[in-house]
Amino acid sequence: MTTRVRITDVSPRDGLQNEAGIIPTAEKVRLVELLAATGVDEVEVSSFVSAKWVPQLGDAAEVFECLNTPSQREGAGGRVASPTGIGGRHDGSLTPARNVVSQDRAKALRRAMTVPELRLWAAIRDRQLGGYRFRRQHPFGPYILDFYCTSERLVVEVDGRTHFGNDQQVRDAERTEYLGTYGLRVIRVSDDAVLTNIEGVLRTILEHLREGSPSPKPPPSGRGLPILAALVPNERGMQGVLDVNAKAGRRLISKVSVFTAASETFARKNTNATIAETIDRFRPVVEIARREQIEVRGYISCVIACPFEGPIQPERVNDVARQLLELGIDDLDLGDTIGAGTPETIGALLRCFNNEIGIDSLGAITTLHLHDTFGRAADCVKAALDLGITSFDGSVAGLGGCPYASTPGKRAPGNISTEALVRTVHAAGFTTGVDLVALEAAAAYAREIVARSRAAATKGIGT
């Protein structure tokens, strides 16, 4: 079975925030729409930071409002139709307003998982069932679901001997009925089936996954809808996300990102805080996200090297990763911020990480964020795939780049382009679901709007 790799495009946020000029809101919206039509799994649209510090992203709320509103707009590429609600994968109407049970209770149940549950989790996690991602011991309303595929809204319950009494069967039926009111499908497997016929259990789960579940209409290309995400530095930024979702009347932004670093010096220069202080800032953000059923990504910058401190030891990355995982994040993003990585150093980092923590630890997916400063990013992707990484960030047209990696008069290359990333993944024998033709169209548009912005900024400086 071919493994599916998850692709996140960060160009609207990470790609545009370092531009000298400001891209018009309508052009940002059009870029996101084009990316949504490519089949990428997620688009990081913008950042709810102060416009004083990052003026390029000062229109975050307006961009999301436009994405939520079906309209006809004139853009540089001609008159275009906006897909209705392209962030609707996690429709708020299909999710309880809050979880009654706590994340601490879910963690306790993870630690107490039985042998059949652990065996099924190992099979689901390692094989990924054709690319479908599951969470384990996931709170949902008054229940904790054994295994939950959020994209297909499928619940898998492992029923041990305690489930065979009449009272328990009644409670199971009530649980299934409750989940059904939120559009969730439930399949049940016994301990014996997992222990004696794991292949049959996996086939059954995969069949149900492929049946699919009701979902919002896709954009005109017929491709799936991406998650729309936003970067938030603190609780104030999170409030901006809540305001957008409240105005939209649904969970338009279904994922937020927080960011720290493996380097104390970089953390201070980039966030004006120590690593410990940044993580303290994240606590209320994660708490709010849990309450609102919003996923959380945690970025760690400088996982290979820091422009101020030099090489970073993998153990320092692991220390920060543990703190983020303890907060309960869903996606741990390891960032080679200045593009210093080689296949050897990326391999050393991931092997140390996997030995001490574990890829996809506690149900959090591990993502690799590469910059192509020295043209080595594609080789690093291959090395990471070999070590079990199946989630990557890219930036269409290679937009972005850390300013600390640049030199006077020479701008450093940016993130690995999503086009190169997808081609590398496909060449390695993995699948993505991304249409390269549509992706090239999005890249061409990105280059066009950035070229216009840079020309305008240069003209403004010279007058």
Protein backbone atom coordinates (compact mmCIF):
# COMPACT_ATOMS: atom_id res chain seq x y z
CA MET A 1 0.00 0.00 0.00
CA THR A 2 1.41 3.38 -1.03
CA THR A 3 1.80 5.82 1.86
CA ARG A 4 0.16 9.21 1.50
CA VAL A 5 2.18 12.27 2.50
CA ARG A 6 0.50 15.33 3.99
CA ILE A 7 1.36 18.67 2.37
CA THR A 8 0.88 22.09 3.97
CA ASP A 9 1.47 25.22 1.91
CA VAL A 10 2.65 28.15 4.03
CA SER A 11 3.23 30.69 1.25
CA PRO A 12 0.36 33.10 2.10
CA ARG A 13 1.79 33.49 5.61
CA ASP A 14 5.46 32.50 5.77
CA GLY A 15 6.05 33.36 2.13
CA LEU A 16 4.57 36.86 2.12
CA GLN A 17 5.49 38.11 5.60
CA ASN A 18 9.10 38.81 4.62
CA GLU A 19 8.29 40.75 1.45
CA ALA A 20 9.29 44.40 1.43
CA GLY A 21 6.00 45.41 -0.14
CA ILE A 22 2.43 44.68 0.92
CA ILE A 23 0.37 42.36 -1.27
CA PRO A 24 -3.23 43.60 -1.74
CA THR A 25 -5.87 41.64 0.16
CA ALA A 26 -7.70 40.52 -3.01
CA GLU A 27 -4.48 39.03 -4.40
CA LYS A 28 -3.82 37.11 -1.18
CA VAL A 29 -7.35 35.73 -1.30
CA ARG A 30 -6.90 34.64 -4.92
CA LEU A 31 -3.62 32.90 -4.04
CA VAL A 32 -5.34 30.92 -1.26
CA GLU A 33 -8.15 29.98 -3.63
CA LEU A 34 -5.67 28.70 -6.20
CA LEU A 35 -3.86 26.70 -3.53
CA ALA A 36 -7.17 25.26 -2.31
CA ALA A 37 -7.77 23.89 -5.79
CA THR A 38 -4.45 22.01 -5.90
CA GLY A 39 -5.30 19.30 -3.38
CA VAL A 40 -2.88 20.37 -0.61
CA ASP A 41 -4.06 19.28 2.82
CA GLU A 42 -3.62 22.59 4.58
CA VAL A 43 -2.96 26.25 3.82
CA GLU A 44 -1.48 28.58 6.42
CA VAL A 45 -3.29 31.71 5.35
CA SER A 46 -2.07 34.51 7.59
CA SER A 47 -0.98 35.58 11.06
CA PHE A 48 -2.82 37.44 13.80
CA VAL A 49 0.14 39.50 14.90
CA SER A 50 0.34 43.23 15.38
CA ALA A 51 0.32 45.11 12.08
CA LYS A 52 2.99 47.31 13.65
CA TRP A 53 5.45 44.40 13.62
CA VAL A 54 4.29 42.55 10.51
CA PRO A 55 2.41 45.04 8.31
CA GLN A 56 2.41 42.57 5.41
CA LEU A 57 -0.16 40.46 7.29
CA GLY A 58 -2.14 43.22 8.92
CA ASP A 59 -5.24 42.28 6.90
CA ALA A 60 -5.61 38.74 8.26
CA ALA A 61 -9.24 39.17 9.32
CA GLU A 62 -10.17 40.71 5.97
CA VAL A 63 -8.55 37.85 4.04
CA PHE A 64 -10.52 35.25 5.98
CA GLU A 65 -13.72 37.24 5.62
CA CYS A 66 -13.29 37.25 1.85
CA LEU A 67 -12.59 33.52 1.84
CA ASN A 68 -15.80 32.92 3.77
CA THR A 69 -17.96 35.01 1.43
CA PRO A 70 -18.93 33.63 -1.99
CA SER A 71 -18.39 36.43 -4.47
CA GLN A 72 -17.21 37.40 -7.93
CA ARG A 73 -13.96 39.34 -7.85
CA GLU A 74 -11.79 40.96 -10.46
CA GLY A 75 -8.17 39.89 -10.05
CA ALA A 76 -4.99 40.06 -12.03
CA GLY A 77 -5.93 36.75 -13.63
CA GLY A 78 -9.41 37.89 -14.68
CA ARG A 79 -12.87 37.50 -13.17
CA VAL A 80 -12.92 34.57 -10.74
CA ALA A 81 -15.50 32.82 -8.60
CA SER A 82 -14.66 32.36 -4.94
CA PRO A 83 -15.33 28.84 -3.64
CA THR A 84 -17.93 28.92 -0.88
CA GLY A 85 -16.43 28.35 2.54
CA ILE A 86 -13.17 26.66 1.59
CA GLY A 87 -12.30 26.17 5.22
CA GLY A 88 -15.31 24.00 5.94
CA ARG A 89 -13.65 20.64 6.51
CA HIS A 90 -14.33 20.92 10.23
CA ASP A 91 -17.81 22.44 10.20
CA GLY A 92 -18.67 23.68 13.68
CA SER A 93 -22.24 22.38 13.35
CA LEU A 94 -20.84 18.84 13.36
CA THR A 95 -18.87 19.21 16.60
CA PRO A 96 -20.02 19.66 20.22
CA ALA A 97 -19.61 23.17 21.57
CA ARG A 98 -17.10 21.82 24.08
CA ASN A 99 -15.68 18.61 25.46
CA VAL A 100 -17.01 17.60 28.85
CA VAL A 101 -14.03 15.31 29.49
CA SER A 102 -10.51 16.70 29.82
CA GLN A 103 -7.29 16.20 27.91
CA ASP A 104 -5.72 14.96 31.16
CA ARG A 105 -8.28 12.16 31.28
CA ALA A 106 -7.48 11.29 27.65
CA LYS A 107 -3.75 11.17 28.43
CA ALA A 108 -4.41 8.88 31.39
CA LEU A 109 -6.35 6.52 29.15
CA ARG A 110 -3.52 6.52 26.62
CA ARG A 111 -1.14 5.36 29.31
CA ALA A 112 -3.61 2.65 30.35
CA MET A 113 -4.26 1.28 26.85
CA THR A 114 -4.65 -2.50 26.72
CA VAL A 115 -2.61 -4.83 24.53
CA PRO A 116 -5.29 -5.03 21.77
CA GLU A 117 -5.64 -1.25 21.73
CA LEU A 118 -1.88 -0.77 21.56
CA ARG A 119 -1.57 -3.30 18.76
CA LEU A 120 -4.30 -1.66 16.70
CA TRP A 121 -2.80 1.80 17.32
CA ALA A 122 0.61 0.60 16.17
CA ALA A 123 -0.92 -0.75 12.94
CA ILE A 124 -2.98 2.37 12.26
CA ARG A 125 -0.10 4.74 13.04
CA ASP A 126 2.60 2.89 11.11
CA ARG A 127 0.57 1.98 8.04
CA GLN A 128 -1.58 5.12 8.11
CA LEU A 129 -4.30 3.21 6.26
CA GLY A 130 -3.73 4.86 2.90
CA GLY A 131 -2.94 8.26 4.38
CA TYR A 132 -5.93 8.61 6.71
CA ARG A 133 -4.84 10.07 10.02
CA PHE A 134 -6.28 8.86 13.31
CA ARG A 135 -6.13 10.23 16.82
CA ARG A 136 -6.23 8.00 19.86
CA GLN A 137 -8.16 8.59 23.07
CA HIS A 138 -9.71 11.75 21.65
CA PRO A 139 -12.24 13.73 23.75
CA PHE A 140 -15.56 14.32 22.01
CA GLY A 141 -18.39 15.76 24.08
CA PRO A 142 -18.99 13.46 27.09
CA TYR A 143 -16.96 10.60 25.62
CA ILE A 144 -13.39 9.68 24.80
CA LEU A 145 -13.10 7.95 21.44
CA ASP A 146 -10.65 5.03 21.18
CA PHE A 147 -9.53 5.96 17.64
CA TYR A 148 -10.90 8.86 15.59
CA CYS A 149 -10.27 9.85 11.96
CA THR A 150 -11.24 13.53 11.91
CA SER A 151 -11.24 13.95 8.12
CA GLU A 152 -13.69 11.07 7.52
CA ARG A 153 -15.49 11.38 10.88
CA LEU A 154 -15.00 7.67 11.57
CA VAL A 155 -14.69 6.26 15.09
CA VAL A 156 -13.14 2.85 15.81
CA GLU A 157 -13.92 1.35 19.20
CA VAL A 158 -12.12 -1.68 20.63
CA ASP A 159 -14.62 -3.65 22.74
CA GLY A 160 -13.10 -5.82 25.44
CA ARG A 161 -14.89 -8.34 27.63
CA THR A 162 -16.57 -5.60 29.68
CA HIS A 163 -18.63 -4.61 26.62
CA PHE A 164 -20.55 -7.87 26.39
CA GLY A 165 -23.02 -7.36 29.25
CA ASN A 166 -26.53 -6.06 28.50
CA ASP A 167 -26.00 -2.83 30.45
CA GLN A 168 -22.78 -2.06 28.59
CA GLN A 169 -24.38 -2.85 25.23
CA VAL A 170 -27.11 -0.32 26.02
CA ARG A 171 -24.51 2.30 26.92
CA ASP A 172 -22.58 1.52 23.73
CA ALA A 173 -25.76 1.97 21.70
CA GLU A 174 -26.44 5.33 23.39
CA ARG A 175 -22.85 6.40 22.69
CA THR A 176 -23.16 5.43 19.02
CA GLU A 177 -26.48 7.29 18.73
CA TYR A 178 -24.98 10.41 20.32
CA LEU A 179 -21.99 10.40 17.96
CA GLY A 180 -24.33 9.84 15.03
CA THR A 181 -26.09 13.13 15.77
CA TYR A 182 -22.78 14.84 14.95
CA GLY A 183 -22.27 12.94 11.71
CA LEU A 184 -19.78 10.41 13.12
CA ARG A 185 -19.82 6.78 12.01
CA VAL A 186 -18.82 4.15 14.55
CA ILE A 187 -17.43 0.68 13.94
CA ARG A 188 -16.66 -1.75 16.74
CA VAL A 189 -14.06 -4.51 16.83
CA SER A 190 -13.42 -7.02 19.58
CA ASP A 191 -10.19 -7.69 21.44
CA ASP A 192 -10.11 -11.20 19.94
CA ALA A 193 -10.44 -9.85 16.38
CA VAL A 194 -7.48 -7.50 16.89
CA LEU A 195 -5.32 -10.23 18.41
CA THR A 196 -6.17 -13.02 15.96
CA ASN A 197 -7.06 -11.21 12.72
CA ILE A 198 -5.44 -7.77 12.67
CA GLU A 199 -5.29 -7.76 8.85
CA GLY A 200 -9.04 -8.35 8.64
CA VAL A 201 -9.69 -5.54 11.12
CA LEU A 202 -7.54 -3.15 9.09
CA ARG A 203 -9.34 -4.09 5.87
CA THR A 204 -12.69 -3.41 7.52
CA ILE A 205 -11.56 0.00 8.77
CA LEU A 206 -10.16 0.92 5.37
CA GLU A 207 -13.40 -0.09 3.64
CA HIS A 208 -15.36 2.22 5.93
CA LEU A 209 -12.86 5.02 5.36
CA ARG A 210 -13.20 4.72 1.61
CA GLU A 211 -16.98 4.89 1.84
CA GLY A 212 -16.52 8.47 2.97
CA SER A 213 -18.86 10.66 4.95
CA PRO A 214 -20.95 13.76 4.13
CA SER A 215 -18.74 16.78 3.63
CA PRO A 216 -18.98 20.32 2.22
CA LYS A 217 -18.96 20.68 -1.54
CA PRO A 218 -15.45 20.86 -2.99
CA PRO A 219 -14.14 23.80 -4.97
CA PRO A 220 -14.68 23.82 -8.77
CA SER A 221 -11.63 21.62 -9.39
CA GLY A 222 -13.37 18.77 -7.56
CA ARG A 223 -10.49 18.43 -5.11
CA GLY A 224 -10.79 18.16 -1.36
CA LEU A 225 -10.99 21.20 0.86
CA PRO A 226 -7.85 22.16 2.77
CA ILE A 227 -7.66 23.08 6.42
CA LEU A 228 -7.23 26.84 6.77
CA ALA A 229 -4.75 27.81 9.48
CA ALA A 230 -3.44 30.99 11.07
CA LEU A 231 -0.38 31.82 13.15
CA VAL A 232 -1.08 33.27 16.61
CA PRO A 233 1.70 34.54 18.91
CA ASN A 234 -0.40 34.74 22.07
CA GLU A 235 -3.88 34.85 23.58
CA ARG A 236 -4.65 38.16 21.90
CA GLY A 237 -3.91 36.65 18.51
CA MET A 238 -6.15 33.69 19.40
CA GLN A 239 -8.96 36.11 20.09
CA GLY A 240 -8.60 37.37 16.53
CA VAL A 241 -9.19 33.81 15.32
CA LEU A 242 -12.27 33.46 17.52
CA ASP A 243 -13.64 36.74 16.19
CA VAL A 244 -13.22 35.56 12.59
CA ASN A 245 -14.96 32.26 13.30
CA ALA A 246 -17.77 33.97 15.19
CA LYS A 247 -18.37 36.35 12.30
CA ALA A 248 -18.25 33.48 9.81
CA GLY A 249 -20.72 31.47 11.89
CA ARG A 250 -18.54 28.37 11.62
CA ARG A 251 -15.02 27.13 12.22
CA LEU A 252 -13.50 28.84 9.17
CA ILE A 253 -10.06 28.74 10.84
CA SER A 254 -9.79 25.18 12.10
CA LYS A 255 -6.11 25.25 13.07
CA VAL A 256 -3.77 27.72 14.75
CA SER A 257 0.01 27.76 14.97
CA VAL A 258 2.24 28.89 17.83
CA PHE A 259 5.99 29.32 17.50
CA THR A 260 9.12 29.04 19.61
CA ALA A 261 12.71 27.98 18.94
CA ALA A 262 15.41 25.52 19.97
CA SER A 263 17.79 28.49 20.33
CA GLU A 264 17.42 30.91 23.25
CA THR A 265 19.05 33.74 21.28
CA PHE A 266 16.76 33.26 18.28
CA ALA A 267 13.71 33.03 20.55
CA ARG A 268 14.60 36.35 22.17
CA LYS A 269 15.23 38.10 18.84
CA ASN A 270 12.18 36.62 17.12
CA THR A 271 9.64 36.70 19.96
CA ASN A 272 11.23 39.04 22.53
CA ALA A 273 10.96 36.23 25.08
CA THR A 274 12.83 33.18 26.34
CA ILE A 275 11.79 29.71 25.22
CA ALA A 276 10.12 29.12 28.59
CA GLU A 277 8.25 32.43 28.34
CA THR A 278 6.98 31.62 24.84
CA ILE A 279 5.62 28.28 26.01
CA ASP A 280 3.88 29.95 28.95
CA ARG A 281 2.20 32.26 26.42
CA PHE A 282 0.90 29.21 24.56
CA ARG A 283 -0.93 27.67 27.53
CA PRO A 284 -4.08 29.80 27.30
CA VAL A 285 -3.98 29.53 23.50
CA VAL A 286 -4.05 25.72 23.68
CA GLU A 287 -6.75 25.77 26.35
CA ILE A 288 -8.97 27.98 24.20
CA ALA A 289 -8.26 25.89 21.11
CA ARG A 290 -9.30 22.72 22.93
CA ARG A 291 -12.52 24.34 24.07
CA GLU A 292 -13.29 25.50 20.53
CA GLN A 293 -12.27 22.23 18.82
CA ILE A 294 -9.43 23.95 16.95
CA GLU A 295 -6.22 22.06 16.21
CA VAL A 296 -2.86 23.48 17.31
CA ARG A 297 0.48 23.33 15.51
CA GLY A 298 3.67 24.06 17.44
CA TYR A 299 6.64 25.37 15.44
CA ILE A 300 10.20 24.91 16.68
CA SER A 301 12.64 27.13 14.78
CA CYS A 302 16.36 26.50 14.29
CA VAL A 303 16.25 22.73 14.77
CA ILE A 304 19.55 22.28 12.88
CA ALA A 305 21.39 25.55 13.38
CA CYS A 306 20.90 29.10 14.63
CA PRO A 307 22.31 32.18 12.88
CA PHE A 308 23.56 33.42 16.26
CA GLU A 309 24.47 30.28 18.22
CA GLY A 310 25.59 27.96 15.43
CA PRO A 311 24.75 24.23 15.36
CA ILE A 312 21.92 23.07 17.62
CA GLN A 313 22.14 19.70 19.31
CA PRO A 314 19.13 17.38 18.71
CA GLU A 315 18.67 16.99 22.47
CA ARG A 316 17.82 20.69 22.74
CA VAL A 317 15.13 20.23 20.09
CA ASN A 318 13.76 17.23 21.99
CA ASP A 319 13.54 19.26 25.19
CA VAL A 320 11.38 21.93 23.54
CA ALA A 321 9.33 19.29 21.72
CA ARG A 322 8.47 17.56 24.99
CA GLN A 323 7.19 20.81 26.46
CA LEU A 324 4.97 21.44 23.44
CA LEU A 325 3.65 17.88 23.44
CA GLU A 326 2.82 18.18 27.14
CA LEU A 327 0.64 21.17 26.26
CA GLY A 328 -1.37 18.87 23.98
CA ILE A 329 -0.53 20.20 20.50
CA ASP A 330 -1.72 18.24 17.45
CA ASP A 331 1.13 18.98 15.04
CA LEU A 332 4.80 19.35 15.98
CA ASP A 333 6.59 21.28 13.24
CA LEU A 334 10.40 21.04 13.13
CA GLY A 335 11.79 24.04 11.26
CA ASP A 336 15.21 24.27 9.61
CA THR A 337 14.84 28.04 9.67
CA ILE A 338 18.04 29.07 7.91
CA GLY A 339 18.27 26.09 5.57
CA ALA A 340 21.43 24.72 7.18
CA GLY A 341 20.26 21.12 7.07
CA THR A 342 21.86 18.29 5.13
CA PRO A 343 20.56 14.73 4.76
CA GLU A 344 23.07 13.76 7.46
CA THR A 345 22.06 16.40 10.02
CA ILE A 346 18.36 15.97 9.32
CA GLY A 347 18.83 12.22 9.73
CA ALA A 348 20.66 12.66 13.03
CA LEU A 349 17.93 14.97 14.32
CA LEU A 350 15.09 12.64 13.37
CA ARG A 351 16.77 9.50 14.67
CA CYS A 352 17.41 11.17 18.03
CA PHE A 353 13.86 12.51 18.08
CA ASN A 354 12.36 9.13 17.24
CA ASN A 355 14.47 7.30 19.81
CA GLU A 356 13.69 9.67 22.68
CA ILE A 357 10.19 10.91 21.85
CA GLY A 358 8.77 9.09 18.83
CA ILE A 359 7.40 10.37 15.55
CA ASP A 360 3.66 11.08 15.92
CA SER A 361 4.07 10.91 19.69
CA LEU A 362 0.83 11.00 21.71
CA GLY A 363 -1.12 11.31 18.48
CA ALA A 364 0.60 14.54 17.41
CA ILE A 365 1.84 14.39 13.83
CA THR A 366 5.46 15.38 13.18
CA THR A 367 6.01 17.83 10.30
CA LEU A 368 9.27 18.96 8.71
CA HIS A 369 9.64 22.56 7.57
CA LEU A 370 12.64 23.04 5.24
CA HIS A 371 14.29 26.08 3.69
CA ASP A 372 16.27 25.72 0.48
CA THR A 373 19.03 28.21 1.30
CA PHE A 374 21.79 26.00 -0.10
CA GLY A 375 19.74 23.90 -2.52
CA ARG A 376 19.72 20.83 -0.27
CA ALA A 377 16.07 20.74 0.79
CA ALA A 378 14.93 18.05 -1.67
CA ASP A 379 17.67 15.70 -0.48
CA CYS A 380 16.59 16.38 3.10
CA VAL A 381 13.02 15.45 2.15
CA LYS A 382 14.22 12.09 0.85
CA ALA A 383 16.16 11.43 4.05
CA ALA A 384 13.13 12.34 6.18
CA LEU A 385 10.81 10.08 4.17
CA ASP A 386 13.18 7.18 4.76
CA LEU A 387 12.94 7.83 8.50
CA GLY A 388 9.16 7.86 8.62
CA ILE A 389 8.23 11.54 8.24
CA THR A 390 5.02 11.84 6.20
CA SER A 391 4.13 15.49 6.71
CA PHE A 392 5.97 18.45 5.15
CA ASP A 393 5.61 22.20 4.68
CA GLY A 394 6.25 23.89 1.37
CA SER A 395 5.79 27.37 -0.02
CA VAL A 396 4.54 27.71 -3.56
CA ALA A 397 7.15 29.28 -5.87
CA GLY A 398 9.65 28.97 -2.99
CA LEU A 399 8.44 32.20 -1.40
CA GLY A 400 9.72 33.25 1.99
CA GLY A 401 13.10 32.75 3.57
CA CYS A 402 14.50 33.77 6.91
CA PRO A 403 15.95 37.31 6.88
CA TYR A 404 18.75 36.10 9.17
CA ALA A 405 19.93 33.78 6.37
CA SER A 406 20.31 36.62 3.89
CA THR A 407 23.34 38.83 3.40
CA PRO A 408 23.55 42.51 2.39
CA GLY A 409 22.58 42.70 -1.26
CA LYS A 410 21.67 39.02 -1.55
CA ARG A 411 18.35 37.61 -0.48
CA ALA A 412 18.56 33.98 0.67
CA PRO A 413 16.35 31.44 -1.14
CA GLY A 414 13.11 30.78 0.72
CA ASN A 415 11.22 27.70 1.81
CA ILE A 416 11.36 24.61 -0.34
CA SER A 417 8.87 25.23 -3.13
CA THR A 418 5.72 23.16 -2.82
CA GLU A 419 6.20 22.12 -6.45
CA ALA A 420 9.67 20.69 -5.75
CA LEU A 421 8.44 19.13 -2.52
CA VAL A 422 5.58 17.29 -4.22
CA ARG A 423 7.75 16.13 -7.13
CA THR A 424 10.33 14.78 -4.65
CA VAL A 425 7.67 12.95 -2.66
CA HIS A 426 6.15 11.42 -5.80
CA ALA A 427 9.56 10.39 -7.14
CA ALA A 428 10.23 8.57 -3.85
CA GLY A 429 7.13 6.42 -4.40
CA PHE A 430 4.69 8.21 -2.09
CA THR A 431 1.39 9.89 -2.95
CA THR A 432 0.04 13.34 -2.03
CA GLY A 433 -3.22 13.96 -3.85
CA VAL A 434 -1.76 17.23 -5.16
CA ASP A 435 -2.33 18.21 -8.79
CA LEU A 436 1.01 19.51 -10.08
CA VAL A 437 -0.63 21.34 -13.01
CA ALA A 438 -2.87 23.29 -10.62
CA LEU A 439 0.12 23.84 -8.34
CA GLU A 440 2.18 25.32 -11.18
CA ALA A 441 -0.70 27.72 -11.89
CA ALA A 442 -0.72 28.82 -8.26
CA ALA A 443 3.08 29.24 -8.38
CA ALA A 444 2.88 31.38 -11.52
CA TYR A 445 0.32 33.64 -9.85
CA ALA A 446 2.43 33.87 -6.68
CA ARG A 447 5.48 34.94 -8.68
CA GLU A 448 3.39 37.52 -10.52
CA ILE A 449 1.97 39.23 -7.44
CA VAL A 450 5.30 39.19 -5.61
CA ALA A 451 7.11 40.67 -8.61
CA ARG A 452 4.56 43.49 -8.74
CA SER A 453 4.93 44.10 -5.01
CA ARG A 454 8.73 44.18 -5.15
CA ALA A 455 8.71 46.55 -8.11
CA ALA A 456 6.35 48.89 -6.29
CA ALA A 457 8.45 48.76 -3.12
CA THR A 458 11.65 49.53 -5.06
CA LYS A 459 9.98 52.42 -6.84
CA GLY A 460 8.74 53.79 -3.54
CA ILE A 461 12.21 53.64 -2.00
CA GLY A 462 13.77 55.49 -4.93
CA THR A 463 11.36 58.42 -4.99
